[in-house]
């Protein structure tokens, strides 16, 4: 049996065709053209597996008394997931971007939801990557490394079932994880963990698929002498609109109008432009971000804002709206724990 993967550069989903044989769930993936996919559906109809993307922007401001995390959805598909902060502890939060939800659209079975799983995704690490060893004290580096290992292990539970050729757009990772936290005796930090996908051909049209350990990049604290300002991430990376800090530098008309009528908002804007975000109070930065995002974001984009206060810890300012229930979601919850799935097939 052949199966297909289709990936549109404007689409918010990765689609896989699968077959169900009695109690077993076997997945083979083959990259193909739309014509080949149509022919496959005629010859051997199957059950698609879809990876819905968390797409949009993550904007982080490290201010005098808090870390602010704002997210804005880029609704490239009706099934796009809103990237939203996940509380990992009172002093740490993470935001997933990319392939976050893996489901079967026909059965509505959810195989993985990485943002919801994130608080429990910690792996065992034998040694730290050189970058982590140099970046921070060992205990905290081990914690960051453990999260990276845990997410990689979870992604590999899915990837080991994918055996056809998979092609992603250039420079587009499978997923990204943004971490922001306060570390004892160290201060605020921001990390970007990037997860790629690797394949090796075993025989014609049959590949082993693997998600290696992530690439770790520390974005905060900035290097000595570098500005302390807004840090922004986007997914997918292609055709990215200007970042919020770029809009401030280019004197966006809407933001300039806001600042012209409010002295405090003008002061916050100037602090960001001068690289002095550490001199802004959280209460003022929150007001500025909420106003700036309402001006610059698309009207139909969902948003969230959370803070990690130096004293107060993680708190919501603007919580994500409830997600609409998928058809059959109630039945999904009633599946037996030992029922076969993509992650735990029964052969």
Protein backbone atom coordinates (compact mmCIF):
# COMPACT_ATOMS: atom_id res chain seq x y z
CA UNK A 1 0.00 0.00 0.00
CA UNK A 2 1.19 3.53 -0.76
CA UNK A 3 0.26 6.62 1.17
CA UNK A 4 0.82 10.33 0.91
CA UNK A 5 1.98 13.49 2.61
CA UNK A 6 0.88 16.86 1.29
CA UNK A 7 2.32 20.13 2.62
CA UNK A 8 1.18 23.53 1.38
CA UNK A 9 3.38 26.53 2.14
CA UNK A 10 0.23 28.47 3.04
CA UNK A 11 -1.40 25.59 4.86
CA UNK A 12 -1.51 25.18 8.61
CA UNK A 13 -1.42 21.39 8.50
CA UNK A 14 0.75 18.45 7.67
CA UNK A 15 -1.33 15.64 6.22
CA UNK A 16 -0.45 11.96 6.29
CA UNK A 17 -2.37 9.01 4.82
CA UNK A 18 -2.57 5.88 6.92
CA UNK A 19 -4.28 2.50 6.91
CA UNK A 20 -6.06 0.71 9.73
CA UNK A 21 -5.88 -3.09 9.89
CA UNK A 22 -8.10 -4.59 12.61
CA UNK A 23 -6.29 -3.85 15.90
CA UNK A 24 -3.12 -2.46 14.35
CA UNK A 25 -2.33 1.06 13.18
CA UNK A 26 0.49 1.12 10.61
CA UNK A 27 1.68 4.33 8.99
CA UNK A 28 3.74 4.76 5.85
CA UNK A 29 4.44 8.24 4.49
CA UNK A 30 5.47 9.15 0.96
CA UNK A 31 5.89 12.68 -0.35
CA UNK A 32 4.10 13.07 -3.64
CA UNK A 33 2.49 15.58 -5.98
CA UNK A 34 -1.18 16.46 -5.80
CA UNK A 35 -1.89 14.34 -8.88
CA UNK A 36 -0.17 11.34 -7.34
CA UNK A 37 -2.09 11.90 -4.12
CA UNK A 38 -5.37 11.95 -6.03
CA UNK A 39 -4.45 8.71 -7.81
CA UNK A 40 -3.56 7.12 -4.48
CA UNK A 41 -6.96 8.01 -3.05
CA UNK A 42 -8.62 6.25 -5.97
CA UNK A 43 -6.48 3.13 -5.66
CA UNK A 44 -6.24 2.73 -1.90
CA UNK A 45 -8.39 5.07 0.17
CA UNK A 46 -6.90 5.61 3.61
CA UNK A 47 -7.20 7.55 6.80
CA UNK A 48 -5.30 10.84 6.88
CA UNK A 49 -3.25 11.91 9.86
CA UNK A 50 -2.95 15.67 10.23
CA UNK A 51 -0.41 17.72 12.14
CA UNK A 52 -2.02 21.09 12.87
CA UNK A 53 0.41 23.95 13.27
CA UNK A 54 0.66 26.48 16.07
CA UNK A 55 1.36 29.48 13.85
CA UNK A 56 1.96 33.09 14.72
CA UNK A 57 4.19 35.36 16.77
CA UNK A 58 5.71 35.17 20.25
CA UNK A 59 6.82 38.52 21.67
CA UNK A 60 8.76 38.58 24.95
CA UNK A 61 9.65 41.67 26.95
CA UNK A 62 11.97 41.40 29.94
CA UNK A 63 11.10 44.47 32.01
CA UNK A 64 12.06 45.77 35.44
CA UNK A 65 9.86 43.48 37.54
CA UNK A 66 8.57 40.75 35.19
CA UNK A 67 8.88 38.79 31.97
CA UNK A 68 5.95 39.48 29.63
CA UNK A 69 4.98 36.87 27.03
CA UNK A 70 2.52 37.90 24.32
CA UNK A 71 1.39 35.66 21.47
CA UNK A 72 -0.57 36.45 18.33
CA UNK A 73 -2.09 33.81 16.07
CA UNK A 74 -1.44 33.76 12.34
CA UNK A 75 -4.64 32.04 11.12
CA UNK A 76 -3.22 30.48 7.96
CA UNK A 77 -5.79 27.64 8.16
CA UNK A 78 -9.10 27.11 9.99
CA UNK A 79 -7.30 24.42 12.04
CA UNK A 80 -4.40 26.69 13.03
CA UNK A 81 -3.61 26.46 16.74
CA UNK A 82 -3.00 29.59 18.77
CA UNK A 83 0.53 29.58 20.21
CA UNK A 84 0.00 30.19 23.91
CA UNK A 85 2.20 30.20 27.02
CA UNK A 86 2.20 26.99 29.05
CA UNK A 87 3.00 27.32 32.75
CA UNK A 88 5.83 24.92 33.60
CA UNK A 89 6.44 26.33 37.08
CA UNK A 90 5.75 29.58 38.88
CA UNK A 91 8.93 30.98 37.30
CA UNK A 92 9.00 29.32 33.87
CA UNK A 93 6.72 29.17 30.81
CA UNK A 94 7.04 27.66 27.35
CA UNK A 95 5.38 28.34 23.98
CA UNK A 96 5.21 25.77 21.18
CA UNK A 97 5.35 26.75 17.51
CA UNK A 98 4.95 24.38 14.56
CA UNK A 99 3.53 20.85 14.47
CA UNK A 100 1.80 20.79 17.83
CA UNK A 101 -1.37 18.70 17.35
CA UNK A 102 -1.48 15.28 15.62
CA UNK A 103 -4.95 13.92 14.85
CA UNK A 104 -6.92 11.68 12.52
CA UNK A 105 -9.60 13.92 10.92
CA UNK A 106 -11.88 10.99 10.07
CA UNK A 107 -11.88 9.38 13.52
CA UNK A 108 -11.06 12.61 15.39
CA UNK A 109 -8.57 10.68 17.53
CA UNK A 110 -5.88 12.95 18.95
CA UNK A 111 -2.52 11.18 19.00
CA UNK A 112 -0.44 13.97 20.49
CA UNK A 113 -0.92 17.53 21.70
CA UNK A 114 2.55 18.80 22.50
CA UNK A 115 1.58 22.04 24.21
CA UNK A 116 -0.70 20.19 26.65
CA UNK A 117 1.93 17.48 27.15
CA UNK A 118 4.73 19.98 27.72
CA UNK A 119 4.63 20.10 31.57
CA UNK A 120 5.34 16.36 31.61
CA UNK A 121 7.93 16.17 28.81
CA UNK A 122 11.21 15.80 30.67
CA UNK A 123 13.83 13.33 29.46
CA UNK A 124 16.88 11.83 31.11
CA UNK A 125 20.14 13.48 30.05
CA UNK A 126 23.56 11.93 30.37
CA UNK A 127 25.54 15.03 29.38
CA UNK A 128 24.94 18.61 28.37
CA UNK A 129 25.51 20.11 24.95
CA UNK A 130 28.61 22.37 24.84
CA UNK A 131 26.43 25.46 24.37
CA UNK A 132 24.45 24.68 27.50
CA UNK A 133 27.60 23.95 29.48
CA UNK A 134 28.98 27.40 28.67
CA UNK A 135 25.74 29.33 29.00
CA UNK A 136 24.70 28.80 32.58
CA UNK A 137 25.28 26.86 35.80
CA UNK A 138 24.97 23.10 35.54
CA UNK A 139 21.72 22.59 37.47
CA UNK A 140 19.69 24.98 35.34
CA UNK A 141 21.36 23.84 32.11
CA UNK A 142 20.42 20.26 32.96
CA UNK A 143 16.80 21.34 33.40
CA UNK A 144 16.69 23.05 29.98
CA UNK A 145 18.43 20.05 28.43
CA UNK A 146 15.93 17.70 30.07
CA UNK A 147 13.01 19.55 28.50
CA UNK A 148 14.69 19.40 25.08
CA UNK A 149 15.25 15.65 25.47
CA UNK A 150 11.66 15.09 26.57
CA UNK A 151 10.15 16.92 23.62
CA UNK A 152 12.52 15.14 21.22
CA UNK A 153 11.49 11.76 22.65
CA UNK A 154 7.81 12.63 22.23
CA UNK A 155 8.30 13.71 18.63
CA UNK A 156 10.23 10.52 17.92
CA UNK A 157 7.28 8.45 19.13
CA UNK A 158 5.46 9.89 16.13
CA UNK A 159 8.40 10.07 13.70
CA UNK A 160 9.37 6.41 14.03
CA UNK A 161 6.07 5.52 12.33
CA UNK A 162 6.73 7.70 9.28
CA UNK A 163 8.55 5.87 6.47
CA UNK A 164 7.91 7.86 3.31
CA UNK A 165 9.86 10.84 1.99
CA UNK A 166 8.94 14.05 3.85
CA UNK A 167 9.86 17.48 2.54
CA UNK A 168 9.40 20.66 4.54
CA UNK A 169 9.83 24.17 3.11
CA UNK A 170 13.41 25.50 3.29
CA UNK A 171 14.45 26.87 6.69
CA UNK A 172 11.22 25.66 8.29
CA UNK A 173 11.74 23.39 11.32
CA UNK A 174 9.25 20.77 12.40
CA UNK A 175 8.66 22.61 15.68
CA UNK A 176 10.11 25.23 17.99
CA UNK A 177 9.87 25.65 21.74
CA UNK A 178 10.38 29.06 23.33
CA UNK A 179 11.26 29.01 27.06
CA UNK A 180 11.30 32.04 29.37
CA UNK A 181 12.11 31.91 33.07
CA UNK A 182 13.80 33.37 36.09
CA UNK A 183 16.77 31.44 37.40
CA UNK A 184 17.88 31.75 41.01
CA UNK A 185 21.10 33.79 41.30
CA UNK A 186 21.13 34.30 37.52
CA UNK A 187 18.07 36.31 36.49
CA UNK A 188 15.73 36.23 33.49
CA UNK A 189 16.55 34.12 30.45
CA UNK A 190 14.99 33.24 27.09
CA UNK A 191 15.77 30.09 25.12
CA UNK A 192 14.78 28.90 21.64
CA UNK A 193 14.80 25.13 21.06
CA UNK A 194 14.51 24.18 17.38
CA UNK A 195 13.48 20.66 16.33
CA UNK A 196 14.32 19.41 12.85
CA UNK A 197 13.44 16.22 11.03
CA UNK A 198 15.99 13.82 9.51
CA UNK A 199 15.46 10.84 7.22
CA UNK A 200 17.70 8.04 5.96
CA UNK A 201 16.72 5.80 3.05
CA UNK A 202 16.62 2.10 3.91
CA UNK A 203 15.36 0.99 0.53
CA UNK A 204 13.45 2.55 -2.34
CA UNK A 205 10.60 4.72 -1.05
CA UNK A 206 11.20 3.56 2.54
CA UNK A 207 12.87 5.87 5.04
CA UNK A 208 13.67 5.88 8.72
CA UNK A 209 12.51 9.17 10.23
CA UNK A 210 14.18 10.72 13.26
CA UNK A 211 13.92 13.94 15.27
CA UNK A 212 17.38 14.73 16.68
CA UNK A 213 17.99 16.65 19.87
CA UNK A 214 17.15 20.31 19.41
CA UNK A 215 19.40 23.19 18.61
CA UNK A 216 19.61 25.44 21.69
CA UNK A 217 19.95 29.20 21.28
CA UNK A 218 19.94 31.58 24.24
CA UNK A 219 18.42 34.99 23.44
CA UNK A 220 18.46 36.50 26.93
CA UNK A 221 20.38 37.92 28.66
CA UNK A 222 21.83 39.79 25.68
CA UNK A 223 25.56 40.07 25.19
CA UNK A 224 27.31 42.86 27.03
CA UNK A 225 26.66 46.17 25.28
CA UNK A 226 23.68 44.84 23.29
CA UNK A 227 20.25 46.50 23.65
CA UNK A 228 17.68 45.12 26.07
CA UNK A 229 14.49 45.24 24.07
CA UNK A 230 11.70 43.10 22.63
CA UNK A 231 12.52 39.55 21.53
CA UNK A 232 10.23 38.09 18.85
CA UNK A 233 9.76 34.67 17.22
CA UNK A 234 7.59 33.71 14.23
CA UNK A 235 6.30 30.51 12.68
CA UNK A 236 6.23 29.76 9.81
CA UNK A 237 9.28 31.87 8.96
CA UNK A 238 8.49 32.56 5.31
CA UNK A 239 6.90 35.88 4.32
CA UNK A 240 7.27 37.22 7.86
CA UNK A 241 5.72 40.63 8.48
CA UNK A 242 7.75 43.27 10.33
CA UNK A 243 8.40 42.55 14.01
CA UNK A 244 6.94 44.81 16.67
CA UNK A 245 10.32 46.42 17.37
CA UNK A 246 10.71 47.10 13.63
CA UNK A 247 7.29 48.75 13.59
CA UNK A 248 8.42 50.99 16.45
CA UNK A 249 11.64 51.89 14.62
CA UNK A 250 9.73 52.64 11.41
CA UNK A 251 7.20 54.83 13.26
CA UNK A 252 4.09 52.77 12.54
CA UNK A 253 1.23 55.23 12.17
CA UNK A 254 -1.12 53.47 14.58
CA UNK A 255 1.47 53.15 17.35
CA UNK A 256 2.63 56.73 16.83
CA UNK A 257 -0.95 57.92 17.26
CA UNK A 258 -1.19 55.95 20.52
CA UNK A 259 2.04 57.46 21.82
CA UNK A 260 1.16 61.01 20.79
CA UNK A 261 -1.89 60.96 23.06
CA UNK A 262 -0.34 59.18 26.07
CA UNK A 263 2.90 60.29 27.69
CA UNK A 264 3.38 56.96 29.51
CA UNK A 265 2.98 54.95 26.29
CA UNK A 266 5.49 57.22 24.58
CA UNK A 267 7.96 56.63 27.41
CA UNK A 268 7.56 52.84 27.11
CA UNK A 269 8.08 53.00 23.33
CA UNK A 270 11.21 55.09 23.79
CA UNK A 271 12.64 52.69 26.40
CA UNK A 272 12.21 49.77 24.00
CA UNK A 273 13.83 51.74 21.18
CA UNK A 274 16.73 52.76 23.41
CA UNK A 275 17.34 49.17 24.54
CA UNK A 276 16.32 49.90 28.13
CA UNK A 277 13.42 47.51 28.68
CA UNK A 278 14.79 46.72 32.14
CA UNK A 279 13.75 50.25 33.20
CA UNK A 280 10.05 49.72 32.28
CA UNK A 281 7.53 48.69 34.92
CA UNK A 282 5.43 45.65 34.05
CA UNK A 283 2.13 47.51 34.52
CA UNK A 284 3.14 50.04 31.85
CA UNK A 285 4.61 47.46 29.48
CA UNK A 286 1.42 45.37 29.67
CA UNK A 287 -0.73 48.36 28.73
CA UNK A 288 1.61 49.19 25.86
CA UNK A 289 1.71 45.63 24.48
CA UNK A 290 -2.07 45.21 24.66
CA UNK A 291 -2.60 48.48 22.81
CA UNK A 292 0.16 47.92 20.24
CA UNK A 293 -1.02 44.40 19.41
CA UNK A 294 -4.64 45.51 19.04
CA UNK A 295 -3.43 48.11 16.55
CA UNK A 296 -1.05 45.93 14.51
CA UNK A 297 -2.53 42.41 14.64
CA UNK A 298 -5.05 41.12 12.11
CA UNK A 299 -8.66 41.57 13.27
CA UNK A 300 -9.36 37.82 13.35
CA UNK A 301 -6.13 36.84 15.16
CA UNK A 302 -6.44 35.47 18.68
CA UNK A 303 -4.01 36.78 21.30
CA UNK A 304 -2.67 35.89 24.74
CA UNK A 305 -0.55 37.71 27.32
CA UNK A 306 1.04 36.17 30.42
CA UNK A 307 3.56 37.46 32.92
CA UNK A 308 6.21 35.88 35.12
CA UNK A 309 6.62 38.32 37.96
CA UNK A 310 9.78 38.50 40.04
CA UNK A 311 7.63 38.18 43.16
CA UNK A 312 4.23 37.01 41.88
CA UNK A 313 5.31 34.25 39.46
CA UNK A 314 3.21 33.13 36.47
CA UNK A 315 -0.07 34.98 35.92
CA UNK A 316 -2.48 35.41 33.02
CA UNK A 317 -3.28 38.87 31.70
CA UNK A 318 -5.16 37.67 28.61
CA UNK A 319 -5.97 33.96 28.64
CA UNK A 320 -6.42 31.96 25.42
CA UNK A 321 -10.07 31.56 24.43
CA UNK A 322 -11.62 28.09 24.81
CA UNK A 323 -10.94 25.88 21.81
CA UNK A 324 -13.97 24.67 19.88
CA UNK A 325 -14.62 20.97 20.39
CA UNK A 326 -13.99 18.76 17.40
CA UNK A 327 -16.74 16.40 16.29
CA UNK A 328 -16.33 13.14 18.17
CA UNK A 329 -14.08 14.64 20.85
CA UNK A 330 -16.28 13.33 23.64
CA UNK A 331 -16.03 9.82 22.24
CA UNK A 332 -12.24 10.22 22.05
CA UNK A 333 -12.02 10.72 25.81
CA UNK A 334 -13.78 7.40 26.36
CA UNK A 335 -11.23 5.35 24.41
CA UNK A 336 -9.67 2.61 26.55
CA UNK A 337 -6.17 3.37 27.81
CA UNK A 338 -4.77 0.34 25.98
CA UNK A 339 -6.48 1.09 22.66
CA UNK A 340 -4.10 1.05 19.65
CA UNK A 341 -2.83 4.43 18.48
CA UNK A 342 -0.15 5.96 16.30
CA UNK A 343 2.10 6.26 19.32
CA UNK A 344 1.43 2.82 20.75
CA UNK A 345 0.34 0.49 17.91
CA UNK A 346 -0.69 -3.07 18.67
CA UNK A 347 0.80 -5.49 16.13
